[in-house]
N, C-alpha and C. Protein backbone atom coordinates (compact mmCIF):
# COMPACT_ATOMS: atom_id res chain seq x y z
N MET A 1 7.77 -12.78 -6.52
CA MET A 1 7.37 -11.64 -7.30
C MET A 1 8.49 -11.18 -8.24
N LEU A 2 9.74 -11.44 -7.87
CA LEU A 2 10.84 -11.07 -8.76
C LEU A 2 10.80 -11.86 -10.06
N ALA A 3 10.40 -13.12 -9.97
CA ALA A 3 10.31 -13.94 -11.18
C ALA A 3 9.23 -13.40 -12.11
N VAL A 4 8.10 -13.01 -11.55
CA VAL A 4 7.02 -12.45 -12.36
C VAL A 4 7.48 -11.13 -12.98
N GLU A 5 8.16 -10.31 -12.19
CA GLU A 5 8.68 -9.05 -12.73
C GLU A 5 9.62 -9.30 -13.90
N ALA A 6 10.54 -10.25 -13.75
CA ALA A 6 11.48 -10.55 -14.82
C ALA A 6 10.77 -11.03 -16.08
N ALA A 7 9.79 -11.90 -15.91
CA ALA A 7 9.04 -12.41 -17.05
C ALA A 7 8.24 -11.29 -17.73
N MET A 8 7.67 -10.41 -16.93
CA MET A 8 6.92 -9.28 -17.48
C MET A 8 7.84 -8.34 -18.26
N ARG A 9 9.01 -8.06 -17.72
CA ARG A 9 9.97 -7.20 -18.43
C ARG A 9 10.39 -7.84 -19.76
N ALA A 10 10.61 -9.14 -19.74
CA ALA A 10 11.01 -9.84 -20.95
C ALA A 10 9.90 -9.80 -22.00
N TYR A 11 8.66 -10.03 -21.58
CA TYR A 11 7.56 -9.97 -22.54
C TYR A 11 7.35 -8.54 -23.04
N ALA A 12 7.51 -7.55 -22.20
CA ALA A 12 7.38 -6.17 -22.66
C ALA A 12 8.39 -5.88 -23.76
N ALA A 13 9.62 -6.30 -23.56
CA ALA A 13 10.65 -6.10 -24.58
C ALA A 13 10.29 -6.85 -25.86
N ARG A 14 9.79 -8.06 -25.73
CA ARG A 14 9.41 -8.86 -26.90
C ARG A 14 8.30 -8.18 -27.71
N PHE A 15 7.35 -7.56 -27.00
CA PHE A 15 6.20 -6.94 -27.66
C PHE A 15 6.39 -5.46 -27.94
N GLY A 16 7.59 -4.92 -27.67
CA GLY A 16 7.85 -3.51 -27.94
C GLY A 16 7.14 -2.57 -26.98
N GLU A 17 6.92 -3.03 -25.77
CA GLU A 17 6.24 -2.23 -24.74
C GLU A 17 7.27 -1.73 -23.72
N ASP A 18 6.80 -1.00 -22.72
CA ASP A 18 7.66 -0.40 -21.70
C ASP A 18 7.99 -1.42 -20.60
N PRO A 19 9.23 -1.91 -20.56
CA PRO A 19 9.60 -2.91 -19.54
C PRO A 19 9.44 -2.41 -18.11
N ASP A 20 9.67 -1.13 -17.87
CA ASP A 20 9.51 -0.62 -16.50
C ASP A 20 8.05 -0.67 -16.05
N ARG A 21 7.15 -0.28 -16.93
CA ARG A 21 5.72 -0.29 -16.59
C ARG A 21 5.22 -1.72 -16.39
N TRP A 22 5.59 -2.61 -17.30
CA TRP A 22 5.16 -4.01 -17.20
C TRP A 22 5.82 -4.67 -15.99
N GLY A 23 7.08 -4.34 -15.75
CA GLY A 23 7.78 -4.87 -14.58
C GLY A 23 7.11 -4.44 -13.29
N LEU A 24 6.62 -3.20 -13.27
CA LEU A 24 5.90 -2.69 -12.11
C LEU A 24 4.67 -3.55 -11.81
N ALA A 25 3.92 -3.88 -12.83
CA ALA A 25 2.75 -4.75 -12.65
C ALA A 25 3.17 -6.10 -12.07
N GLY A 26 4.25 -6.65 -12.60
CA GLY A 26 4.73 -7.94 -12.10
C GLY A 26 5.22 -7.87 -10.66
N LEU A 27 5.90 -6.80 -10.34
CA LEU A 27 6.45 -6.65 -8.99
C LEU A 27 5.36 -6.44 -7.95
N LEU A 28 4.33 -5.69 -8.31
CA LEU A 28 3.30 -5.31 -7.33
C LEU A 28 2.08 -6.23 -7.28
N HIS A 29 1.93 -7.13 -8.22
CA HIS A 29 0.66 -7.85 -8.36
C HIS A 29 0.24 -8.64 -7.12
N ASP A 30 1.16 -9.11 -6.32
CA ASP A 30 0.82 -9.91 -5.14
C ASP A 30 1.25 -9.27 -3.83
N PHE A 31 1.58 -7.97 -3.85
CA PHE A 31 2.11 -7.36 -2.63
C PHE A 31 1.16 -7.45 -1.44
N ASP A 32 -0.11 -7.57 -1.70
CA ASP A 32 -1.12 -7.56 -0.64
C ASP A 32 -1.59 -8.95 -0.22
N TYR A 33 -1.07 -9.99 -0.84
CA TYR A 33 -1.63 -11.33 -0.65
C TYR A 33 -1.63 -11.81 0.80
N GLU A 34 -0.55 -11.61 1.51
CA GLU A 34 -0.51 -12.10 2.90
C GLU A 34 -1.43 -11.30 3.81
N ARG A 35 -1.56 -10.02 3.56
CA ARG A 35 -2.41 -9.18 4.40
C ARG A 35 -3.90 -9.35 4.09
N PHE A 36 -4.20 -9.59 2.82
CA PHE A 36 -5.59 -9.72 2.37
C PHE A 36 -5.79 -11.03 1.61
N PRO A 37 -5.76 -12.15 2.32
CA PRO A 37 -5.96 -13.42 1.62
C PRO A 37 -7.39 -13.53 1.09
N ASN A 38 -7.63 -14.53 0.31
CA ASN A 38 -8.92 -14.67 -0.36
C ASN A 38 -10.01 -15.26 0.53
N ALA A 39 -9.98 -14.95 1.81
CA ALA A 39 -11.01 -15.45 2.72
C ALA A 39 -11.77 -14.29 3.37
N ALA A 40 -11.81 -13.16 2.69
CA ALA A 40 -12.43 -11.96 3.24
C ALA A 40 -13.95 -12.02 3.15
N GLN A 41 -14.59 -11.12 3.85
CA GLN A 41 -16.05 -11.04 3.85
C GLN A 41 -16.61 -10.55 2.51
N SER A 42 -15.87 -9.67 1.84
CA SER A 42 -16.33 -9.16 0.55
C SER A 42 -15.16 -9.08 -0.42
N ALA A 43 -15.48 -9.02 -1.69
CA ALA A 43 -14.45 -9.01 -2.72
C ALA A 43 -13.53 -7.80 -2.61
N THR A 44 -14.04 -6.69 -2.08
CA THR A 44 -13.19 -5.50 -1.97
C THR A 44 -12.19 -5.60 -0.83
N GLU A 45 -12.35 -6.60 0.03
CA GLU A 45 -11.45 -6.78 1.17
C GLU A 45 -10.43 -7.87 0.93
N GLU A 46 -10.36 -8.42 -0.27
CA GLU A 46 -9.45 -9.52 -0.54
C GLU A 46 -8.45 -9.16 -1.63
N HIS A 47 -7.48 -10.05 -1.77
CA HIS A 47 -6.47 -9.91 -2.80
C HIS A 47 -7.09 -10.18 -4.16
N PRO A 48 -6.81 -9.43 -5.19
CA PRO A 48 -5.97 -8.26 -5.26
C PRO A 48 -6.71 -6.94 -5.13
N SER A 49 -8.01 -7.01 -4.89
CA SER A 49 -8.81 -5.77 -4.86
C SER A 49 -8.37 -4.82 -3.75
N ALA A 50 -8.08 -5.34 -2.58
CA ALA A 50 -7.65 -4.48 -1.48
C ALA A 50 -6.32 -3.81 -1.81
N GLY A 51 -5.41 -4.55 -2.39
CA GLY A 51 -4.13 -3.98 -2.78
C GLY A 51 -4.26 -2.93 -3.86
N VAL A 52 -5.11 -3.19 -4.84
CA VAL A 52 -5.32 -2.22 -5.92
C VAL A 52 -5.90 -0.93 -5.35
N ALA A 53 -6.78 -1.03 -4.37
CA ALA A 53 -7.33 0.19 -3.75
C ALA A 53 -6.21 1.02 -3.12
N ILE A 54 -5.28 0.35 -2.47
CA ILE A 54 -4.14 1.05 -1.87
C ILE A 54 -3.29 1.70 -2.95
N LEU A 55 -2.98 0.94 -3.99
CA LEU A 55 -2.16 1.47 -5.08
C LEU A 55 -2.85 2.62 -5.80
N ARG A 56 -4.15 2.50 -6.01
CA ARG A 56 -4.92 3.56 -6.68
C ARG A 56 -4.86 4.85 -5.85
N SER A 57 -4.98 4.71 -4.53
CA SER A 57 -4.94 5.91 -3.67
C SER A 57 -3.57 6.59 -3.71
N ARG A 58 -2.57 5.85 -4.15
CA ARG A 58 -1.21 6.40 -4.24
C ARG A 58 -0.84 6.81 -5.67
N GLY A 59 -1.82 6.75 -6.57
CA GLY A 59 -1.62 7.28 -7.91
C GLY A 59 -0.96 6.37 -8.93
N TYR A 60 -0.97 5.06 -8.69
CA TYR A 60 -0.39 4.15 -9.68
C TYR A 60 -1.22 4.15 -10.95
N PRO A 61 -0.60 3.87 -12.10
CA PRO A 61 -1.31 3.92 -13.39
C PRO A 61 -2.45 2.91 -13.49
N GLU A 62 -3.52 3.36 -14.08
CA GLU A 62 -4.73 2.54 -14.18
C GLU A 62 -4.50 1.26 -14.99
N ASP A 63 -3.69 1.30 -16.04
CA ASP A 63 -3.46 0.09 -16.82
C ASP A 63 -2.72 -0.97 -16.00
N VAL A 64 -1.84 -0.54 -15.12
CA VAL A 64 -1.15 -1.47 -14.23
C VAL A 64 -2.15 -2.07 -13.24
N LEU A 65 -3.02 -1.22 -12.70
CA LEU A 65 -4.02 -1.68 -11.71
C LEU A 65 -5.01 -2.66 -12.34
N ARG A 66 -5.46 -2.38 -13.55
CA ARG A 66 -6.39 -3.30 -14.21
C ARG A 66 -5.72 -4.64 -14.52
N SER A 67 -4.44 -4.59 -14.86
CA SER A 67 -3.70 -5.83 -15.10
C SER A 67 -3.61 -6.65 -13.82
N ILE A 68 -3.35 -5.98 -12.71
CA ILE A 68 -3.27 -6.67 -11.41
C ILE A 68 -4.62 -7.28 -11.07
N LEU A 69 -5.69 -6.54 -11.26
CA LEU A 69 -7.03 -7.09 -10.99
C LEU A 69 -7.32 -8.28 -11.90
N GLY A 70 -6.94 -8.18 -13.16
CA GLY A 70 -7.23 -9.23 -14.12
C GLY A 70 -6.45 -10.52 -13.90
N HIS A 71 -5.37 -10.46 -13.11
CA HIS A 71 -4.59 -11.70 -12.92
C HIS A 71 -5.31 -12.69 -12.02
N ALA A 72 -6.35 -12.24 -11.33
CA ALA A 72 -7.18 -13.13 -10.51
C ALA A 72 -8.51 -13.32 -11.23
N ARG A 73 -8.76 -14.52 -11.70
CA ARG A 73 -9.97 -14.77 -12.50
C ARG A 73 -11.24 -14.40 -11.77
N TYR A 74 -11.26 -14.57 -10.46
CA TYR A 74 -12.49 -14.35 -9.69
C TYR A 74 -12.89 -12.88 -9.58
N THR A 75 -12.03 -11.94 -9.98
CA THR A 75 -12.41 -10.52 -9.91
C THR A 75 -13.38 -10.16 -11.02
N GLY A 76 -13.37 -10.94 -12.09
CA GLY A 76 -14.24 -10.64 -13.22
C GLY A 76 -13.73 -9.51 -14.10
N VAL A 77 -12.55 -8.98 -13.81
CA VAL A 77 -11.97 -7.91 -14.62
C VAL A 77 -11.36 -8.54 -15.87
N PRO A 78 -11.81 -8.12 -17.04
CA PRO A 78 -11.30 -8.75 -18.26
C PRO A 78 -9.83 -8.41 -18.50
N ARG A 79 -9.14 -9.38 -19.04
CA ARG A 79 -7.74 -9.17 -19.44
C ARG A 79 -7.79 -8.70 -20.89
N ASP A 80 -7.96 -7.39 -21.08
CA ASP A 80 -8.18 -6.84 -22.41
C ASP A 80 -6.98 -6.07 -22.94
N THR A 81 -5.86 -6.17 -22.27
CA THR A 81 -4.63 -5.58 -22.78
C THR A 81 -3.55 -6.66 -22.81
N ARG A 82 -2.53 -6.42 -23.60
CA ARG A 82 -1.44 -7.38 -23.66
C ARG A 82 -0.74 -7.50 -22.30
N MET A 83 -0.62 -6.37 -21.58
CA MET A 83 0.00 -6.40 -20.26
C MET A 83 -0.79 -7.31 -19.31
N ALA A 84 -2.10 -7.16 -19.31
CA ALA A 84 -2.95 -7.97 -18.43
C ALA A 84 -2.86 -9.45 -18.80
N LYS A 85 -2.85 -9.74 -20.09
CA LYS A 85 -2.75 -11.13 -20.54
C LYS A 85 -1.39 -11.72 -20.14
N ALA A 86 -0.34 -10.93 -20.28
CA ALA A 86 0.99 -11.41 -19.93
C ALA A 86 1.10 -11.67 -18.43
N LEU A 87 0.57 -10.78 -17.61
CA LEU A 87 0.64 -10.98 -16.16
C LEU A 87 -0.08 -12.26 -15.75
N PHE A 88 -1.25 -12.48 -16.30
CA PHE A 88 -1.98 -13.72 -16.01
C PHE A 88 -1.18 -14.93 -16.50
N ALA A 89 -0.58 -14.80 -17.68
CA ALA A 89 0.14 -15.93 -18.28
C ALA A 89 1.39 -16.31 -17.50
N VAL A 90 2.07 -15.37 -16.89
CA VAL A 90 3.33 -15.69 -16.22
C VAL A 90 3.17 -15.97 -14.73
N ASP A 91 2.09 -15.54 -14.12
CA ASP A 91 1.94 -15.64 -12.66
C ASP A 91 2.04 -17.07 -12.15
N GLU A 92 1.16 -17.93 -12.55
CA GLU A 92 1.19 -19.32 -12.09
C GLU A 92 2.41 -20.06 -12.64
N LEU A 93 2.77 -19.74 -13.87
CA LEU A 93 3.88 -20.44 -14.51
C LEU A 93 5.20 -20.23 -13.77
N THR A 94 5.47 -19.03 -13.29
CA THR A 94 6.73 -18.81 -12.57
C THR A 94 6.80 -19.67 -11.32
N GLY A 95 5.67 -19.88 -10.66
CA GLY A 95 5.65 -20.77 -9.50
C GLY A 95 5.95 -22.20 -9.88
N LEU A 96 5.39 -22.66 -10.99
CA LEU A 96 5.63 -24.02 -11.46
C LEU A 96 7.10 -24.20 -11.88
N ILE A 97 7.65 -23.20 -12.53
CA ILE A 97 9.05 -23.26 -12.94
C ILE A 97 9.96 -23.28 -11.71
N THR A 98 9.66 -22.45 -10.74
CA THR A 98 10.46 -22.43 -9.51
C THR A 98 10.43 -23.78 -8.82
N ALA A 99 9.24 -24.34 -8.67
CA ALA A 99 9.12 -25.66 -8.03
C ALA A 99 9.87 -26.72 -8.83
N SER A 100 9.77 -26.65 -10.15
CA SER A 100 10.46 -27.63 -11.00
C SER A 100 11.97 -27.52 -10.84
N ALA A 101 12.47 -26.32 -10.72
CA ALA A 101 13.91 -26.12 -10.55
C ALA A 101 14.38 -26.64 -9.19
N LEU A 102 13.58 -26.39 -8.17
CA LEU A 102 14.00 -26.74 -6.81
C LEU A 102 14.09 -28.25 -6.57
N VAL A 103 13.41 -29.07 -7.36
CA VAL A 103 13.51 -30.52 -7.17
C VAL A 103 14.61 -31.14 -8.03
N ARG A 104 15.28 -30.34 -8.83
CA ARG A 104 16.40 -30.83 -9.63
C ARG A 104 17.64 -30.93 -8.74
N PRO A 105 18.56 -31.80 -9.06
CA PRO A 105 19.80 -31.88 -8.28
C PRO A 105 20.54 -30.53 -8.21
N SER A 106 20.49 -29.77 -9.30
CA SER A 106 21.17 -28.47 -9.35
C SER A 106 20.41 -27.36 -8.62
N LYS A 107 19.10 -27.58 -8.39
CA LYS A 107 18.22 -26.56 -7.81
C LYS A 107 18.33 -25.23 -8.57
N SER A 108 18.36 -25.34 -9.89
CA SER A 108 18.63 -24.19 -10.74
C SER A 108 17.73 -24.16 -11.96
N VAL A 109 17.46 -22.94 -12.45
CA VAL A 109 16.75 -22.79 -13.73
C VAL A 109 17.72 -22.83 -14.90
N ILE A 110 19.00 -22.77 -14.62
CA ILE A 110 20.01 -22.72 -15.68
C ILE A 110 19.94 -23.97 -16.57
N ASP A 111 19.73 -25.13 -15.97
CA ASP A 111 19.68 -26.36 -16.76
C ASP A 111 18.25 -26.92 -16.92
N LEU A 112 17.26 -26.08 -16.66
CA LEU A 112 15.86 -26.49 -16.78
C LEU A 112 15.36 -26.18 -18.19
N ASP A 113 14.49 -27.02 -18.71
CA ASP A 113 13.89 -26.75 -20.01
C ASP A 113 12.39 -26.98 -19.96
N ALA A 114 11.72 -26.54 -21.01
CA ALA A 114 10.25 -26.62 -21.07
C ALA A 114 9.76 -28.06 -20.96
N ARG A 115 10.48 -28.99 -21.55
CA ARG A 115 10.07 -30.39 -21.51
C ARG A 115 9.97 -30.90 -20.07
N SER A 116 10.94 -30.54 -19.25
CA SER A 116 10.93 -30.95 -17.84
C SER A 116 9.75 -30.33 -17.09
N VAL A 117 9.47 -29.08 -17.37
CA VAL A 117 8.34 -28.41 -16.71
C VAL A 117 7.02 -29.04 -17.16
N ARG A 118 6.89 -29.33 -18.45
CA ARG A 118 5.67 -29.98 -18.94
C ARG A 118 5.47 -31.34 -18.30
N LYS A 119 6.55 -32.06 -18.08
CA LYS A 119 6.46 -33.36 -17.41
C LYS A 119 5.94 -33.19 -15.99
N LYS A 120 6.43 -32.19 -15.28
CA LYS A 120 5.97 -31.91 -13.92
C LYS A 120 4.51 -31.45 -13.91
N MET A 121 4.09 -30.76 -14.96
CA MET A 121 2.70 -30.30 -15.05
C MET A 121 1.72 -31.46 -15.03
N LYS A 122 2.14 -32.59 -15.59
CA LYS A 122 1.26 -33.77 -15.67
C LYS A 122 1.04 -34.43 -14.32
N ASP A 123 1.96 -34.20 -13.40
CA ASP A 123 1.87 -34.79 -12.06
C ASP A 123 1.03 -33.86 -11.18
N LYS A 124 -0.22 -34.24 -10.96
CA LYS A 124 -1.16 -33.38 -10.21
C LYS A 124 -0.74 -33.17 -8.75
N ALA A 125 0.04 -34.07 -8.20
CA ALA A 125 0.50 -33.93 -6.82
C ALA A 125 1.67 -32.95 -6.70
N PHE A 126 2.37 -32.72 -7.81
CA PHE A 126 3.51 -31.81 -7.80
C PHE A 126 3.03 -30.36 -7.86
N ALA A 127 3.54 -29.52 -6.97
CA ALA A 127 3.16 -28.10 -6.94
C ALA A 127 1.64 -27.97 -7.06
N ARG A 128 0.97 -28.67 -6.20
CA ARG A 128 -0.49 -28.80 -6.25
C ARG A 128 -1.22 -27.46 -6.25
N GLY A 129 -0.62 -26.42 -5.67
CA GLY A 129 -1.26 -25.10 -5.63
C GLY A 129 -1.23 -24.35 -6.95
N VAL A 130 -0.49 -24.85 -7.91
CA VAL A 130 -0.38 -24.19 -9.21
C VAL A 130 -1.51 -24.67 -10.11
N SER A 131 -2.29 -23.74 -10.61
CA SER A 131 -3.39 -24.08 -11.51
C SER A 131 -2.86 -24.36 -12.91
N ARG A 132 -2.90 -25.63 -13.30
CA ARG A 132 -2.48 -26.00 -14.66
C ARG A 132 -3.40 -25.36 -15.69
N GLU A 133 -4.67 -25.26 -15.33
CA GLU A 133 -5.63 -24.63 -16.22
C GLU A 133 -5.25 -23.18 -16.49
N ASP A 134 -4.84 -22.45 -15.46
CA ASP A 134 -4.43 -21.05 -15.64
C ASP A 134 -3.16 -20.95 -16.48
N VAL A 135 -2.23 -21.87 -16.30
CA VAL A 135 -1.00 -21.87 -17.10
C VAL A 135 -1.36 -22.02 -18.58
N GLU A 136 -2.21 -22.98 -18.89
CA GLU A 136 -2.60 -23.23 -20.28
C GLU A 136 -3.45 -22.09 -20.83
N LEU A 137 -4.40 -21.61 -20.05
CA LEU A 137 -5.25 -20.51 -20.48
C LEU A 137 -4.43 -19.24 -20.71
N GLY A 138 -3.46 -19.00 -19.84
CA GLY A 138 -2.62 -17.82 -19.97
C GLY A 138 -1.86 -17.80 -21.28
N ALA A 139 -1.24 -18.93 -21.64
CA ALA A 139 -0.52 -19.00 -22.91
C ALA A 139 -1.48 -18.80 -24.08
N SER A 140 -2.64 -19.41 -23.99
CA SER A 140 -3.64 -19.29 -25.06
C SER A 140 -4.09 -17.84 -25.22
N GLU A 141 -4.43 -17.18 -24.12
CA GLU A 141 -4.88 -15.78 -24.19
C GLU A 141 -3.79 -14.87 -24.72
N LEU A 142 -2.55 -15.16 -24.37
CA LEU A 142 -1.42 -14.34 -24.83
C LEU A 142 -1.10 -14.63 -26.29
N GLY A 143 -1.59 -15.75 -26.80
CA GLY A 143 -1.39 -16.10 -28.20
C GLY A 143 -0.03 -16.71 -28.49
N VAL A 144 0.49 -17.44 -27.50
CA VAL A 144 1.79 -18.08 -27.68
C VAL A 144 1.66 -19.58 -27.43
N ASP A 145 2.49 -20.34 -28.10
CA ASP A 145 2.55 -21.78 -27.90
C ASP A 145 2.99 -22.06 -26.46
N LEU A 146 2.38 -23.04 -25.82
CA LEU A 146 2.67 -23.31 -24.41
C LEU A 146 4.14 -23.67 -24.18
N ASP A 147 4.71 -24.54 -24.98
CA ASP A 147 6.12 -24.91 -24.79
C ASP A 147 7.04 -23.71 -24.99
N GLU A 148 6.74 -22.91 -26.01
CA GLU A 148 7.52 -21.70 -26.27
C GLU A 148 7.40 -20.72 -25.09
N HIS A 149 6.20 -20.60 -24.58
CA HIS A 149 5.93 -19.72 -23.43
C HIS A 149 6.73 -20.16 -22.21
N ILE A 150 6.69 -21.44 -21.92
CA ILE A 150 7.43 -21.97 -20.77
C ILE A 150 8.92 -21.69 -20.94
N GLN A 151 9.46 -21.97 -22.13
CA GLN A 151 10.89 -21.76 -22.36
C GLN A 151 11.24 -20.27 -22.28
N PHE A 152 10.36 -19.41 -22.76
CA PHE A 152 10.60 -17.96 -22.71
C PHE A 152 10.67 -17.49 -21.26
N VAL A 153 9.74 -17.95 -20.44
CA VAL A 153 9.72 -17.54 -19.02
C VAL A 153 10.93 -18.12 -18.28
N ILE A 154 11.31 -19.34 -18.59
CA ILE A 154 12.54 -19.90 -18.01
C ILE A 154 13.71 -18.99 -18.36
N GLY A 155 13.79 -18.57 -19.60
CA GLY A 155 14.87 -17.68 -20.04
C GLY A 155 14.89 -16.38 -19.26
N ALA A 156 13.71 -15.81 -19.03
CA ALA A 156 13.63 -14.57 -18.25
C ALA A 156 14.11 -14.80 -16.82
N MET A 157 13.75 -15.94 -16.26
CA MET A 157 14.16 -16.26 -14.88
C MET A 157 15.65 -16.56 -14.81
N ARG A 158 16.22 -17.12 -15.86
CA ARG A 158 17.67 -17.38 -15.87
C ARG A 158 18.45 -16.07 -15.72
N GLY A 159 17.92 -15.01 -16.29
CA GLY A 159 18.60 -13.72 -16.23
C GLY A 159 18.76 -13.17 -14.82
N ILE A 160 17.93 -13.65 -13.91
CA ILE A 160 18.03 -13.20 -12.51
C ILE A 160 18.12 -14.39 -11.56
N ALA A 161 18.59 -15.50 -12.08
CA ALA A 161 18.64 -16.74 -11.29
C ALA A 161 19.30 -16.58 -9.92
N PRO A 162 20.42 -15.89 -9.79
CA PRO A 162 21.02 -15.75 -8.45
C PRO A 162 20.10 -15.01 -7.46
N ALA A 163 19.42 -13.98 -7.94
CA ALA A 163 18.51 -13.23 -7.07
C ALA A 163 17.32 -14.08 -6.64
N LEU A 164 16.95 -15.05 -7.47
CA LEU A 164 15.83 -15.96 -7.15
C LEU A 164 16.28 -17.13 -6.28
N GLY A 165 17.59 -17.28 -6.10
CA GLY A 165 18.11 -18.44 -5.40
C GLY A 165 18.06 -19.68 -6.26
N LEU A 166 18.04 -19.49 -7.57
CA LEU A 166 17.92 -20.61 -8.51
C LEU A 166 19.08 -20.62 -9.51
N GLY A 167 20.24 -20.10 -9.08
CA GLY A 167 21.40 -19.96 -9.98
C GLY A 167 22.25 -21.19 -10.05
């Protein structure tokens, strides 16, 4: 979640938005995943809907909550704000970048580049849980070139590489 927060803060700064608010969406978007996995009886009992209900009861901002809901395609909540589009765009990608860094001899994002991540994307067995379709759709919805997007998120993660264990 720290990687997503960092990427969200970086995109907020790029787009002239509030990094604290966008960072909050990144930090909280998966807080409920282990407690409410996607195997619930109803959509309101699963991630991220259950978590958003908790956050809403505690007064979190509605734009942050809608962004969190929109990061899961199955909720049907449209990603109609730049914050929501950015959260969707960075969520799966940060996982792919992390996995790509961890298989390098350095185990670091410091010497990782977009070309290496794109190469790993082509290998369907690598980081199999990462939706390549979501990575590509996220960049498209955000209106950024995929290679540029990957490099931008790597850059955001480099800024906190020691905290991620990827320094």
